[in-house]
Structure formats: structure tokens, C-alpha cells
All heavy atoms as atom14 arrays in JSON, in Angstrom:
{
  "sequence": "TGGAFEGDRLSGQVLDGGSDWQLLRRDGSTLLDV",
  "atom14_mask": [
    [1, 1, 1, 1, 1, 1, 1, 0, 0, 0, 0, 0, 0, 0],
    [1, 1, 1, 1, 0, 0, 0, 0, 0, 0, 0, 0, 0, 0],
    [1, 1, 1, 1, 0, 0, 0, 0, 0, 0, 0, 0, 0, 0],
    [1, 1, 1, 1, 1, 0, 0, 0, 0, 0, 0, 0, 0, 0],
    [1, 1, 1, 1, 1, 1, 1, 1, 1, 1, 1, 0, 0, 0],
    [1, 1, 1, 1, 1, 1, 1, 1, 1, 0, 0, 0, 0, 0],
    [1, 1, 1, 1, 0, 0, 0, 0, 0, 0, 0, 0, 0, 0],
    [1, 1, 1, 1, 1, 1, 1, 1, 0, 0, 0, 0, 0, 0],
    [1, 1, 1, 1, 1, 1, 1, 1, 1, 1, 1, 0, 0, 0],
    [1, 1, 1, 1, 1, 1, 1, 1, 0, 0, 0, 0, 0, 0],
    [1, 1, 1, 1, 1, 1, 0, 0, 0, 0, 0, 0, 0, 0],
    [1, 1, 1, 1, 0, 0, 0, 0, 0, 0, 0, 0, 0, 0],
    [1, 1, 1, 1, 1, 1, 1, 1, 1, 0, 0, 0, 0, 0],
    [1, 1, 1, 1, 1, 1, 1, 0, 0, 0, 0, 0, 0, 0],
    [1, 1, 1, 1, 1, 1, 1, 1, 0, 0, 0, 0, 0, 0],
    [1, 1, 1, 1, 1, 1, 1, 1, 0, 0, 0, 0, 0, 0],
    [1, 1, 1, 1, 0, 0, 0, 0, 0, 0, 0, 0, 0, 0],
    [1, 1, 1, 1, 0, 0, 0, 0, 0, 0, 0, 0, 0, 0],
    [1, 1, 1, 1, 1, 1, 0, 0, 0, 0, 0, 0, 0, 0],
    [1, 1, 1, 1, 1, 1, 1, 1, 0, 0, 0, 0, 0, 0],
    [1, 1, 1, 1, 1, 1, 1, 1, 1, 1, 1, 1, 1, 1],
    [1, 1, 1, 1, 1, 1, 1, 1, 1, 0, 0, 0, 0, 0],
    [1, 1, 1, 1, 1, 1, 1, 1, 0, 0, 0, 0, 0, 0],
    [1, 1, 1, 1, 1, 1, 1, 1, 0, 0, 0, 0, 0, 0],
    [1, 1, 1, 1, 1, 1, 1, 1, 1, 1, 1, 0, 0, 0],
    [1, 1, 1, 1, 1, 1, 1, 1, 1, 1, 1, 0, 0, 0],
    [1, 1, 1, 1, 1, 1, 1, 1, 0, 0, 0, 0, 0, 0],
    [1, 1, 1, 1, 0, 0, 0, 0, 0, 0, 0, 0, 0, 0],
    [1, 1, 1, 1, 1, 1, 0, 0, 0, 0, 0, 0, 0, 0],
    [1, 1, 1, 1, 1, 1, 1, 0, 0, 0, 0, 0, 0, 0],
    [1, 1, 1, 1, 1, 1, 1, 1, 0, 0, 0, 0, 0, 0],
    [1, 1, 1, 1, 1, 1, 1, 1, 0, 0, 0, 0, 0, 0],
    [1, 1, 1, 1, 1, 1, 1, 1, 0, 0, 0, 0, 0, 0],
    [1, 1, 1, 1, 1, 1, 1, 0, 0, 0, 0, 0, 0, 0]
  ],
  "atom14_positions": [
    [[8.01, -0.13, -0.02], [8.17, 1.17, 0.66], [8.14, 2.36, -0.3], [8.2, 3.5, 0.15], [9.5, 1.19, 1.43], [10.58, 0.99, 0.52], [9.52, 0.12, 2.51], [0.0, 0.0, 0.0], [0.0, 0.0, 0.0], [0.0, 0.0, 0.0], [0.0, 0.0, 0.0], [0.0, 0.0, 0.0], [0.0, 0.0, 0.0], [0.0, 0.0, 0.0]],
    [[8.07, 2.1, -1.59], [8.03, 3.2, -2.55], [8.45, 2.72, -3.92], [8.52, 1.53, -4.2], [0.0, 0.0, 0.0], [0.0, 0.0, 0.0], [0.0, 0.0, 0.0], [0.0, 0.0, 0.0], [0.0, 0.0, 0.0], [0.0, 0.0, 0.0], [0.0, 0.0, 0.0], [0.0, 0.0, 0.0], [0.0, 0.0, 0.0], [0.0, 0.0, 0.0]],
    [[8.78, 3.68, -4.76], [9.18, 3.39, -6.12], [8.68, 4.47, -7.05], [8.21, 5.53, -6.61], [0.0, 0.0, 0.0], [0.0, 0.0, 0.0], [0.0, 0.0, 0.0], [0.0, 0.0, 0.0], [0.0, 0.0, 0.0], [0.0, 0.0, 0.0], [0.0, 0.0, 0.0], [0.0, 0.0, 0.0], [0.0, 0.0, 0.0], [0.0, 0.0, 0.0]],
    [[8.77, 4.21, -8.33], [8.35, 5.19, -9.33], [7.86, 4.46, -10.58], [8.2, 3.3, -10.81], [9.51, 6.11, -9.69], [0.0, 0.0, 0.0], [0.0, 0.0, 0.0], [0.0, 0.0, 0.0], [0.0, 0.0, 0.0], [0.0, 0.0, 0.0], [0.0, 0.0, 0.0], [0.0, 0.0, 0.0], [0.0, 0.0, 0.0], [0.0, 0.0, 0.0]],
    [[7.05, 5.17, -11.37], [6.62, 4.65, -12.67], [6.67, 5.8, -13.67], [6.45, 6.95, -13.32], [5.24, 3.99, -12.6], [4.12, 4.91, -12.18], [3.28, 5.49, -13.13], [3.88, 5.19, -10.84], [2.25, 6.33, -12.75], [2.84, 6.02, -10.45], [2.02, 6.59, -11.4], [0.0, 0.0, 0.0], [0.0, 0.0, 0.0], [0.0, 0.0, 0.0]],
    [[7.01, 5.46, -14.91], [7.17, 6.49, -15.94], [6.74, 5.96, -17.28], [7.17, 4.9, -17.71], [8.63, 6.93, -16.0], [8.86, 8.09, -16.92], [10.29, 8.6, -16.86], [10.96, 8.42, -15.83], [10.72, 9.19, -17.87], [0.0, 0.0, 0.0], [0.0, 0.0, 0.0], [0.0, 0.0, 0.0], [0.0, 0.0, 0.0], [0.0, 0.0, 0.0]],
    [[5.86, 6.74, -17.93], [5.39, 6.39, -19.27], [4.92, 7.62, -20.0], [4.88, 8.72, -19.43], [0.0, 0.0, 0.0], [0.0, 0.0, 0.0], [0.0, 0.0, 0.0], [0.0, 0.0, 0.0], [0.0, 0.0, 0.0], [0.0, 0.0, 0.0], [0.0, 0.0, 0.0], [0.0, 0.0, 0.0], [0.0, 0.0, 0.0], [0.0, 0.0, 0.0]],
    [[4.54, 7.46, -21.26], [4.1, 8.58, -22.07], [2.77, 9.16, -21.6], [2.53, 10.36, -21.73], [3.97, 8.17, -23.54], [5.3, 7.91, -24.2], [6.33, 8.38, -23.67], [5.32, 7.21, -25.23], [0.0, 0.0, 0.0], [0.0, 0.0, 0.0], [0.0, 0.0, 0.0], [0.0, 0.0, 0.0], [0.0, 0.0, 0.0], [0.0, 0.0, 0.0]],
    [[1.88, 8.31, -21.06], [0.55, 8.77, -20.69], [0.36, 8.99, -19.19], [-0.58, 9.66, -18.79], [-0.51, 7.79, -21.2], [-0.54, 7.76, -22.73], [-1.55, 6.77, -23.24], [-1.0, 5.42, -23.09], [-1.72, 4.31, -23.14], [-3.01, 4.38, -23.3], [-1.13, 3.14, -23.02], [0.0, 0.0, 0.0], [0.0, 0.0, 0.0], [0.0, 0.0, 0.0]],
    [[1.23, 8.42, -18.37], [1.17, 8.66, -16.93], [2.48, 8.29, -16.29], [3.17, 7.37, -16.72], [0.0, 7.92, -16.27], [0.03, 6.41, -16.15], [-0.9, 5.99, -15.02], [-0.43, 5.75, -17.43], [0.0, 0.0, 0.0], [0.0, 0.0, 0.0], [0.0, 0.0, 0.0], [0.0, 0.0, 0.0], [0.0, 0.0, 0.0], [0.0, 0.0, 0.0]],
    [[2.82, 9.05, -15.27], [4.05, 8.85, -14.5], [3.77, 9.28, -13.07], [2.84, 10.04, -12.81], [5.2, 9.69, -15.06], [5.53, 9.32, -16.37], [0.0, 0.0, 0.0], [0.0, 0.0, 0.0], [0.0, 0.0, 0.0], [0.0, 0.0, 0.0], [0.0, 0.0, 0.0], [0.0, 0.0, 0.0], [0.0, 0.0, 0.0], [0.0, 0.0, 0.0]],
    [[4.6, 8.82, -12.14], [4.43, 9.23, -10.76], [5.22, 8.37, -9.82], [6.25, 7.78, -10.18], [0.0, 0.0, 0.0], [0.0, 0.0, 0.0], [0.0, 0.0, 0.0], [0.0, 0.0, 0.0], [0.0, 0.0, 0.0], [0.0, 0.0, 0.0], [0.0, 0.0, 0.0], [0.0, 0.0, 0.0], [0.0, 0.0, 0.0], [0.0, 0.0, 0.0]],
    [[4.7, 8.27, -8.59], [5.4, 7.52, -7.56], [4.54, 6.38, -7.02], [3.32, 6.45, -7.02], [5.83, 8.45, -6.43], [4.67, 9.12, -5.7], [5.15, 10.07, -4.62], [6.11, 9.79, -3.92], [4.46, 11.19, -4.48], [0.0, 0.0, 0.0], [0.0, 0.0, 0.0], [0.0, 0.0, 0.0], [0.0, 0.0, 0.0], [0.0, 0.0, 0.0]],
    [[5.23, 5.34, -6.57], [4.6, 4.24, -5.86], [4.63, 4.64, -4.38], [5.69, 4.97, -3.84], [5.36, 2.92, -6.08], [4.72, 1.79, -5.28], [5.42, 2.59, -7.57], [0.0, 0.0, 0.0], [0.0, 0.0, 0.0], [0.0, 0.0, 0.0], [0.0, 0.0, 0.0], [0.0, 0.0, 0.0], [0.0, 0.0, 0.0], [0.0, 0.0, 0.0]],
    [[3.48, 4.61, -3.74], [3.4, 5.05, -2.35], [3.79, 3.93, -1.39], [3.63, 2.74, -1.69], [1.98, 5.54, -2.03], [1.5, 6.71, -2.89], [0.06, 7.07, -2.53], [2.41, 7.92, -2.72], [0.0, 0.0, 0.0], [0.0, 0.0, 0.0], [0.0, 0.0, 0.0], [0.0, 0.0, 0.0], [0.0, 0.0, 0.0], [0.0, 0.0, 0.0]],
    [[4.27, 4.31, -0.24], [4.62, 3.38, 0.82], [3.38, 2.61, 1.27], [2.29, 3.18, 1.31], [5.2, 4.18, 2.01], [5.69, 3.32, 3.14], [5.92, 2.1, 2.95], [5.86, 3.86, 4.25], [0.0, 0.0, 0.0], [0.0, 0.0, 0.0], [0.0, 0.0, 0.0], [0.0, 0.0, 0.0], [0.0, 0.0, 0.0], [0.0, 0.0, 0.0]],
    [[3.55, 1.34, 1.61], [2.45, 0.57, 2.19], [1.92, -0.56, 1.34], [1.02, -1.28, 1.77], [0.0, 0.0, 0.0], [0.0, 0.0, 0.0], [0.0, 0.0, 0.0], [0.0, 0.0, 0.0], [0.0, 0.0, 0.0], [0.0, 0.0, 0.0], [0.0, 0.0, 0.0], [0.0, 0.0, 0.0], [0.0, 0.0, 0.0], [0.0, 0.0, 0.0]],
    [[2.47, -0.77, 0.15], [2.04, -1.9, -0.66], [2.64, -3.19, -0.14], [3.51, -3.2, 0.74], [0.0, 0.0, 0.0], [0.0, 0.0, 0.0], [0.0, 0.0, 0.0], [0.0, 0.0, 0.0], [0.0, 0.0, 0.0], [0.0, 0.0, 0.0], [0.0, 0.0, 0.0], [0.0, 0.0, 0.0], [0.0, 0.0, 0.0], [0.0, 0.0, 0.0]],
    [[2.17, -4.3, -0.68], [2.74, -5.58, -0.26], [2.74, -6.58, -1.4], [1.93, -6.51, -2.32], [1.98, -6.15, 0.94], [0.63, -6.39, 0.61], [0.0, 0.0, 0.0], [0.0, 0.0, 0.0], [0.0, 0.0, 0.0], [0.0, 0.0, 0.0], [0.0, 0.0, 0.0], [0.0, 0.0, 0.0], [0.0, 0.0, 0.0], [0.0, 0.0, 0.0]],
    [[3.69, -7.47, -1.32], [3.91, -8.52, -2.32], [3.88, -9.85, -1.59], [4.86, -10.25, -0.98], [5.28, -8.28, -2.98], [5.66, -9.33, -4.01], [4.87, -10.27, -4.23], [6.75, -9.2, -4.59], [0.0, 0.0, 0.0], [0.0, 0.0, 0.0], [0.0, 0.0, 0.0], [0.0, 0.0, 0.0], [0.0, 0.0, 0.0], [0.0, 0.0, 0.0]],
    [[2.73, -10.51, -1.61], [2.58, -11.81, -0.96], [3.04, -12.87, -1.94], [2.46, -13.04, -3.01], [1.12, -12.04, -0.59], [0.68, -11.21, 0.58], [0.78, -9.86, 0.71], [0.09, -11.69, 1.77], [0.28, -9.47, 1.91], [-0.16, -10.57, 2.6], [-0.26, -12.95, 2.23], [-0.73, -10.68, 3.85], [-0.85, -13.06, 3.48], [-1.07, -11.94, 4.28]],
    [[4.1, -13.56, -1.58], [4.68, -14.57, -2.46], [4.46, -15.97, -1.89], [4.56, -16.17, -0.68], [6.17, -14.34, -2.63], [6.5, -13.03, -3.3], [7.98, -12.87, -3.55], [8.8, -13.72, -3.23], [8.34, -11.75, -4.15], [0.0, 0.0, 0.0], [0.0, 0.0, 0.0], [0.0, 0.0, 0.0], [0.0, 0.0, 0.0], [0.0, 0.0, 0.0]],
    [[4.2, -16.89, -2.78], [4.08, -18.29, -2.43], [5.07, -19.07, -3.28], [4.96, -19.08, -4.51], [2.66, -18.8, -2.66], [2.4, -20.22, -2.18], [2.47, -20.3, -0.66], [1.03, -20.69, -2.66], [0.0, 0.0, 0.0], [0.0, 0.0, 0.0], [0.0, 0.0, 0.0], [0.0, 0.0, 0.0], [0.0, 0.0, 0.0], [0.0, 0.0, 0.0]],
    [[6.07, -19.67, -2.63], [7.04, -20.49, -3.34], [6.47, -21.9, -3.41], [6.27, -22.56, -2.39], [8.39, -20.49, -2.62], [9.23, -19.22, -2.8], [8.59, -18.03, -2.14], [10.61, -19.45, -2.3], [0.0, 0.0, 0.0], [0.0, 0.0, 0.0], [0.0, 0.0, 0.0], [0.0, 0.0, 0.0], [0.0, 0.0, 0.0], [0.0, 0.0, 0.0]],
    [[6.17, -22.32, -4.63], [5.55, -23.62, -4.83], [6.59, -24.73, -4.85], [7.78, -24.49, -5.06], [4.76, -23.63, -6.14], [3.63, -22.62, -6.15], [2.69, -22.76, -7.29], [3.33, -23.01, -8.57], [2.7, -22.95, -9.74], [1.42, -22.66, -9.79], [3.34, -23.19, -10.86], [0.0, 0.0, 0.0], [0.0, 0.0, 0.0], [0.0, 0.0, 0.0]],
    [[6.13, -25.93, -4.67], [7.01, -27.09, -4.65], [7.69, -27.34, -5.99], [8.73, -27.99, -6.05], [6.25, -28.31, -4.17], [5.93, -28.22, -2.68], [4.98, -29.3, -2.19], [4.61, -29.07, -0.81], [3.65, -28.23, -0.4], [2.98, -27.55, -1.28], [3.38, -28.09, 0.88], [0.0, 0.0, 0.0], [0.0, 0.0, 0.0], [0.0, 0.0, 0.0]],
    [[7.15, -26.77, -7.08], [7.78, -26.94, -8.4], [8.87, -25.9, -8.63], [9.46, -25.85, -9.71], [6.74, -26.9, -9.52], [6.07, -25.54, -9.69], [6.38, -24.59, -8.93], [5.23, -25.42, -10.6], [0.0, 0.0, 0.0], [0.0, 0.0, 0.0], [0.0, 0.0, 0.0], [0.0, 0.0, 0.0], [0.0, 0.0, 0.0], [0.0, 0.0, 0.0]],
    [[9.16, -25.06, -7.63], [10.22, -24.07, -7.74], [9.77, -22.71, -8.23], [10.54, -21.76, -8.21], [0.0, 0.0, 0.0], [0.0, 0.0, 0.0], [0.0, 0.0, 0.0], [0.0, 0.0, 0.0], [0.0, 0.0, 0.0], [0.0, 0.0, 0.0], [0.0, 0.0, 0.0], [0.0, 0.0, 0.0], [0.0, 0.0, 0.0], [0.0, 0.0, 0.0]],
    [[8.53, -22.58, -8.67], [8.05, -21.29, -9.15], [7.52, -20.46, -7.98], [7.15, -20.99, -6.93], [6.98, -21.47, -10.22], [5.88, -22.17, -9.7], [0.0, 0.0, 0.0], [0.0, 0.0, 0.0], [0.0, 0.0, 0.0], [0.0, 0.0, 0.0], [0.0, 0.0, 0.0], [0.0, 0.0, 0.0], [0.0, 0.0, 0.0], [0.0, 0.0, 0.0]],
    [[7.48, -19.16, -8.19], [6.98, -18.22, -7.18], [5.74, -17.54, -7.73], [5.78, -16.95, -8.81], [8.05, -17.17, -6.84], [9.22, -17.82, -6.35], [7.54, -16.18, -5.81], [0.0, 0.0, 0.0], [0.0, 0.0, 0.0], [0.0, 0.0, 0.0], [0.0, 0.0, 0.0], [0.0, 0.0, 0.0], [0.0, 0.0, 0.0], [0.0, 0.0, 0.0]],
    [[4.65, -17.63, -6.98], [3.42, -16.91, -7.32], [3.41, -15.59, -6.57], [3.71, -15.55, -5.38], [2.19, -17.73, -6.94], [1.99, -19.05, -7.65], [0.7, -19.71, -7.17], [1.96, -18.87, -9.16], [0.0, 0.0, 0.0], [0.0, 0.0, 0.0], [0.0, 0.0, 0.0], [0.0, 0.0, 0.0], [0.0, 0.0, 0.0], [0.0, 0.0, 0.0]],
    [[3.05, -14.52, -7.26], [2.99, -13.18, -6.68], [1.55, -12.73, -6.55], [0.73, -12.99, -7.44], [3.73, -12.18, -7.56], [5.15, -12.55, -7.99], [5.64, -11.57, -9.01], [6.07, -12.6, -6.8], [0.0, 0.0, 0.0], [0.0, 0.0, 0.0], [0.0, 0.0, 0.0], [0.0, 0.0, 0.0], [0.0, 0.0, 0.0], [0.0, 0.0, 0.0]],
    [[1.25, -12.03, -5.48], [-0.06, -11.4, -5.27], [0.24, -10.03, -4.67], [0.57, -9.92, -3.5], [-0.91, -12.25, -4.34], [-2.32, -11.7, -4.17], [-2.66, -10.66, -4.77], [-3.09, -12.32, -3.42], [0.0, 0.0, 0.0], [0.0, 0.0, 0.0], [0.0, 0.0, 0.0], [0.0, 0.0, 0.0], [0.0, 0.0, 0.0], [0.0, 0.0, 0.0]],
    [[0.14, -8.98, -5.5], [0.65, -7.66, -5.12], [-0.47, -6.62, -5.15], [-1.32, -6.63, -6.05], [1.79, -7.24, -6.09], [2.32, -5.86, -5.75], [2.9, -8.28, -6.07], [0.0, 0.0, 0.0], [0.0, 0.0, 0.0], [0.0, 0.0, 0.0], [0.0, 0.0, 0.0], [0.0, 0.0, 0.0], [0.0, 0.0, 0.0], [0.0, 0.0, 0.0]]
  ]
}
């Protein structure tokens, strides 16, 4: 739904509408696709 980023060369806001598709694998790890 939002957020922010800050660095020496660029800063700003994370806009609403992104998504984080997660897959919890049988080995206990989580794969992210954002």
C-alpha cells in the first residue's frame, strides 16, 4: 500500500498497488516475486 526509499542518488515513495506473490516451499523457504 506504500512505503518509502532513501539514498544518496535517489529517494522517494513507494506507490500503492504493488504486490508480493509468495510461495512457501515444502523445504520451509519462501520465494518472493514482487
